[in-house]
Amino acid sequence: MSLKGKEIFTSEHRSGSKVTPTQRMLNVWAVVLILWAFYRYYFQNDLPIWIDEFVAKPLLFLLPVYYYVSRVELKPFWSSLGVTLRHWRFDLGLGVVVGTIFLIMGVLANLMQHGTVLSPKPRFLDDFTPGFLVAVSFASAVWEELLMRGFQLKRLFEEKKMLFRPVLLNCFLYFFLHIPILFTSEQITGYMILQVLAMDVMFSLVVGLLFYPKRSVLLPVFVHFFYNLSLYFLL
C-alpha cells in the first residue's frame, strides 16, 4: 500500500472512530431501551407491578448508566446525574404546584368524559391500595428521571449549550421509552394509549424546561411523582 493510501485509510479510520459525548450517551440510552423492551415483551403482565418499579427499572435503567458514568466518563455517579439536596424545599414546593396542575388537568378530562372527578372505575384501584400506588409512583419517578433528565438531558444541555433542541429530543426519546409499557399493558388499551402518550410528551416538555436552570433532578422527580398519581387515580 502506498504512503498516500495509508494516509487516506488512517484519516478515514480516525474520522470513523470519533464519537461525540452525545452519541455515546445515546448509545447507552439505546441499550437501556432494548433491555427494557425485551423485559416487557417476555414478561408483560406475568410479574407484579412492584417487580417493575422496585427491581427491573433500577437494574435495567441505572446499571448501564452507572457503568458508563463511572468507567467512561470517570465522574461521581450521583452528582453527575444532578442528585443534590440544595434548595430541596423550593423543588418540593414547585413540584407540588406543577404536579397539582397535571392532576387538575386529569380531573377536568374526567369531568368532560365521565361527568365525575374520578373515573367511574379507576383501573389500578381494583388490585392495589392507595398507599401502595403512592410508593410505586414515587419509585417510578425516581428511576425514570435519573435516566431521562439526570443522565440524558443534562448531557444534552452540556454539549448543545441551548434550551429547546435538547428538550425536544428528550421529549421524543421519553415517548419511545414508554412504548414498551403501553403496548404490553392490559389496563391501558385503545384510545387511552394515544391519550397517555400525548400527556407524556407534554409532561416531558414541561419537566425539561424546569430542569434547565439548576440541572437538579429533584424537581423533576417531585413533578413526575404527582403526574404518576394523576394517571393511576384518574385513568
Protein backbone atom coordinates (compact mmCIF):
# COMPACT_ATOMS: atom_id res chain seq x y z
CA MET A 1 0.00 0.00 0.00
CA SER A 2 1.35 3.43 -0.94
CA LEU A 3 2.03 6.12 1.65
CA LYS A 4 -0.86 8.13 0.25
CA GLY A 5 -3.17 5.15 0.61
CA LYS A 6 -2.09 4.65 4.20
CA GLU A 7 -2.78 8.30 4.96
CA ILE A 8 -6.27 8.06 3.46
CA PHE A 9 -7.03 4.89 5.45
CA THR A 10 -5.74 6.45 8.67
CA SER A 11 -7.76 9.61 8.13
CA GLU A 12 -10.93 7.67 7.41
CA HIS A 13 -10.35 5.38 10.35
CA ARG A 14 -9.83 8.28 12.71
CA SER A 15 -12.86 10.16 11.49
CA GLY A 16 -14.94 7.00 11.74
CA SER A 17 -13.78 6.30 15.29
CA LYS A 18 -14.58 9.78 16.54
CA VAL A 19 -17.71 9.59 18.66
CA THR A 20 -19.17 12.63 20.39
CA PRO A 21 -20.32 12.55 24.04
CA THR A 22 -23.92 12.87 22.85
CA GLN A 23 -23.53 9.84 20.59
CA ARG A 24 -22.06 7.83 23.46
CA MET A 25 -24.89 8.89 25.75
CA LEU A 26 -27.47 7.92 23.13
CA ASN A 27 -25.78 4.55 22.71
CA VAL A 28 -26.20 3.91 26.43
CA TRP A 29 -29.83 5.03 26.26
CA ALA A 30 -30.41 2.68 23.29
CA VAL A 31 -29.03 -0.22 25.35
CA VAL A 32 -31.43 0.66 28.17
CA LEU A 33 -34.37 0.85 25.75
CA ILE A 34 -33.55 -2.52 24.19
CA LEU A 35 -33.21 -4.20 27.59
CA TRP A 36 -36.46 -2.62 28.78
CA ALA A 37 -38.32 -3.63 25.60
CA PHE A 38 -37.13 -7.25 25.88
CA TYR A 39 -38.12 -7.36 29.54
CA ARG A 40 -41.61 -6.01 28.84
CA TYR A 41 -42.09 -8.30 25.82
CA TYR A 42 -41.14 -11.52 27.62
CA PHE A 43 -42.73 -10.85 30.99
CA GLN A 44 -45.54 -8.39 30.15
CA ASN A 45 -48.12 -8.88 32.90
CA ASP A 46 -46.70 -12.11 34.31
CA LEU A 47 -44.89 -10.26 37.11
CA PRO A 48 -46.43 -7.95 39.71
CA ILE A 49 -46.07 -4.21 39.24
CA TRP A 50 -43.70 -3.88 42.20
CA ILE A 51 -41.14 -6.01 40.34
CA ASP A 52 -41.16 -3.45 37.52
CA GLU A 53 -40.75 -0.43 39.76
CA PHE A 54 -38.54 -1.71 42.58
CA VAL A 55 -36.38 -4.29 40.79
CA ALA A 56 -36.45 -4.14 36.98
CA LYS A 57 -36.25 -0.38 36.46
CA PRO A 58 -33.37 0.32 38.85
CA LEU A 59 -31.41 -2.58 37.35
CA LEU A 60 -32.18 -2.02 33.66
CA PHE A 61 -32.24 1.79 33.75
CA LEU A 62 -29.30 2.51 36.04
CA LEU A 63 -26.75 -0.29 35.70
CA PRO A 64 -25.75 0.62 32.10
CA VAL A 65 -25.70 4.30 33.10
CA TYR A 66 -23.58 3.55 36.17
CA TYR A 67 -21.06 1.63 34.08
CA TYR A 68 -20.82 4.43 31.54
CA VAL A 69 -20.54 7.26 34.07
CA SER A 70 -18.00 5.50 36.30
CA ARG A 71 -15.90 3.73 33.65
CA VAL A 72 -16.10 6.01 30.60
CA GLU A 73 -16.85 9.50 31.90
CA LEU A 74 -14.93 8.85 35.15
CA LYS A 75 -17.36 11.03 37.09
CA PRO A 76 -19.01 10.60 40.50
CA PHE A 77 -22.27 8.83 39.77
CA TRP A 78 -24.97 10.63 41.76
CA SER A 79 -23.73 14.19 41.34
CA SER A 80 -23.26 13.65 37.59
CA LEU A 81 -26.99 12.80 37.42
CA GLY A 82 -27.98 16.04 39.13
CA VAL A 83 -28.74 14.48 42.52
CA THR A 84 -28.46 17.30 45.05
CA LEU A 85 -30.45 18.36 48.10
CA ARG A 86 -29.73 22.04 47.65
CA HIS A 87 -32.95 24.07 47.52
CA TRP A 88 -34.97 20.91 48.15
CA ARG A 89 -37.75 22.90 49.84
CA PHE A 90 -38.18 25.06 46.76
CA ASP A 91 -38.06 21.99 44.49
CA LEU A 92 -40.67 20.24 46.61
CA GLY A 93 -42.99 23.26 46.64
CA LEU A 94 -42.73 23.87 42.91
CA GLY A 95 -43.08 20.16 42.26
CA VAL A 96 -46.33 20.10 44.23
CA VAL A 97 -47.65 23.10 42.29
CA VAL A 98 -46.78 21.76 38.83
CA GLY A 99 -47.85 18.23 39.74
CA THR A 100 -51.17 19.56 41.01
CA ILE A 101 -51.71 21.29 37.67
CA PHE A 102 -51.36 17.91 35.92
CA LEU A 103 -53.75 16.42 38.47
CA ILE A 104 -56.29 19.18 37.77
CA MET A 105 -55.96 18.53 34.04
CA GLY A 106 -56.77 14.87 34.68
CA VAL A 107 -59.78 15.84 36.79
CA LEU A 108 -61.06 18.15 34.05
CA ALA A 109 -60.57 15.41 31.45
CA ASN A 110 -62.64 13.02 33.59
CA LEU A 111 -65.36 15.63 34.12
CA MET A 112 -65.62 16.14 30.38
CA GLN A 113 -65.54 12.43 29.56
CA HIS A 114 -67.40 10.82 32.50
CA GLY A 115 -69.00 13.69 34.38
CA THR A 116 -67.15 12.72 37.60
CA VAL A 117 -63.89 13.74 39.27
CA LEU A 118 -62.57 10.18 39.35
CA SER A 119 -63.05 7.72 36.55
CA PRO A 120 -66.15 5.57 37.17
CA LYS A 121 -63.87 2.64 37.97
CA PRO A 122 -60.16 3.54 38.19
CA ARG A 123 -58.34 0.53 36.75
CA PHE A 124 -55.42 0.46 39.15
CA LEU A 125 -57.50 0.72 42.33
CA ASP A 126 -59.01 -2.70 41.71
CA ASP A 127 -55.86 -4.53 42.81
CA PHE A 128 -53.77 -2.05 44.81
CA THR A 129 -54.21 0.16 47.86
CA PRO A 130 -53.70 3.95 47.55
CA GLY A 131 -50.61 3.71 49.77
CA PHE A 132 -49.02 1.12 47.50
CA LEU A 133 -49.70 3.26 44.43
CA VAL A 134 -48.07 6.24 46.16
CA ALA A 135 -44.91 4.18 46.75
CA VAL A 136 -44.92 2.84 43.19
CA SER A 137 -45.48 6.33 41.77
CA PHE A 138 -42.50 7.74 43.64
CA ALA A 139 -40.17 4.85 42.74
CA SER A 140 -41.10 5.10 39.06
CA ALA A 141 -40.48 8.86 39.13
CA VAL A 142 -37.02 8.41 40.63
CA TRP A 143 -35.72 5.84 38.12
CA GLU A 144 -37.18 7.50 35.04
CA GLU A 145 -35.97 10.97 35.97
CA LEU A 146 -32.47 9.78 36.80
CA LEU A 147 -32.30 8.21 33.33
CA MET A 148 -34.12 10.79 31.21
CA ARG A 149 -33.27 14.10 32.84
CA GLY A 150 -30.33 13.45 35.17
CA PHE A 151 -28.38 11.35 32.67
CA GLN A 152 -29.70 12.15 29.23
CA LEU A 153 -30.97 15.74 29.23
CA LYS A 154 -28.17 17.02 31.48
CA ARG A 155 -25.60 15.84 28.95
CA LEU A 156 -27.55 17.23 26.02
CA PHE A 157 -27.55 20.64 27.73
CA GLU A 158 -23.82 20.41 28.42
CA GLU A 159 -22.91 19.70 24.79
CA LYS A 160 -25.55 21.64 22.85
CA LYS A 161 -25.45 24.80 25.03
CA MET A 162 -29.06 25.57 24.12
CA LEU A 163 -32.54 25.02 25.54
CA PHE A 164 -35.23 23.93 23.12
CA ARG A 165 -33.45 21.47 20.85
CA PRO A 166 -32.22 19.22 23.71
CA VAL A 167 -35.64 19.41 25.40
CA LEU A 168 -37.44 18.40 22.21
CA LEU A 169 -35.05 15.49 21.63
CA ASN A 170 -35.54 14.43 25.23
CA CYS A 171 -39.35 14.50 24.76
CA PHE A 172 -39.01 12.34 21.68
CA LEU A 173 -36.87 9.76 23.47
CA TYR A 174 -39.10 9.77 26.54
CA PHE A 175 -42.00 8.97 24.20
CA PHE A 176 -40.15 5.88 22.96
CA LEU A 177 -39.25 4.77 26.48
CA HIS A 178 -42.96 4.38 27.26
CA ILE A 179 -43.99 2.49 24.15
CA PRO A 180 -42.96 -0.93 25.60
CA ILE A 181 -45.02 -0.19 28.72
CA LEU A 182 -48.18 0.99 26.98
CA PHE A 183 -48.32 -1.72 24.35
CA THR A 184 -47.84 -4.56 26.85
CA SER A 185 -50.31 -3.30 29.48
CA GLU A 186 -53.74 -4.86 29.90
CA GLN A 187 -55.05 -1.81 31.77
CA ILE A 188 -54.19 0.74 29.08
CA THR A 189 -55.73 -0.01 25.69
CA GLY A 190 -57.25 1.63 22.63
CA TYR A 191 -57.76 5.39 22.66
CA MET A 192 -56.22 5.58 26.13
CA ILE A 193 -52.79 4.71 24.68
CA LEU A 194 -52.84 7.83 22.49
CA GLN A 195 -54.12 9.91 25.40
CA VAL A 196 -51.33 8.79 27.72
CA LEU A 197 -48.65 9.23 25.04
CA ALA A 198 -49.82 12.80 24.38
CA MET A 199 -49.77 13.54 28.12
CA ASP A 200 -46.28 12.03 28.39
CA VAL A 201 -44.93 14.31 25.68
CA MET A 202 -46.50 17.38 27.31
CA PHE A 203 -45.19 16.31 30.72
CA SER A 204 -41.67 15.72 29.39
CA LEU A 205 -41.61 19.15 27.74
CA VAL A 206 -42.61 20.90 30.98
CA VAL A 207 -40.17 18.92 33.11
CA GLY A 208 -37.33 19.52 30.66
CA LEU A 209 -37.86 23.27 30.83
CA LEU A 210 -38.00 23.14 34.64
CA PHE A 211 -34.80 21.09 34.75
CA TYR A 212 -32.78 23.57 32.67
CA PRO A 213 -31.96 26.38 35.17
CA LYS A 214 -30.42 24.34 38.04
CA ARG A 215 -29.87 20.90 36.45
CA SER A 216 -31.16 19.33 39.68
CA VAL A 217 -33.12 16.12 39.22
CA LEU A 218 -35.06 16.61 42.46
CA LEU A 219 -37.67 18.96 40.96
CA PRO A 220 -38.45 16.63 38.01
CA VAL A 221 -38.83 13.74 40.46
CA PHE A 222 -41.44 15.61 42.51
CA VAL A 223 -43.37 16.71 39.42
CA HIS A 224 -43.19 13.20 37.99
CA PHE A 225 -44.48 11.72 41.24
CA PHE A 226 -47.68 13.79 41.16
CA TYR A 227 -48.05 13.17 37.44
CA ASN A 228 -47.91 9.40 38.04
CA LEU A 229 -50.55 9.69 40.73
CA SER A 230 -52.84 11.55 38.35
CA LEU A 231 -52.52 8.68 35.86
CA TYR A 232 -53.12 5.94 38.43
CA PHE A 233 -56.14 7.51 40.11
CA LEU A 234 -57.82 9.14 37.13
CA LEU A 235 -57.49 6.69 34.26
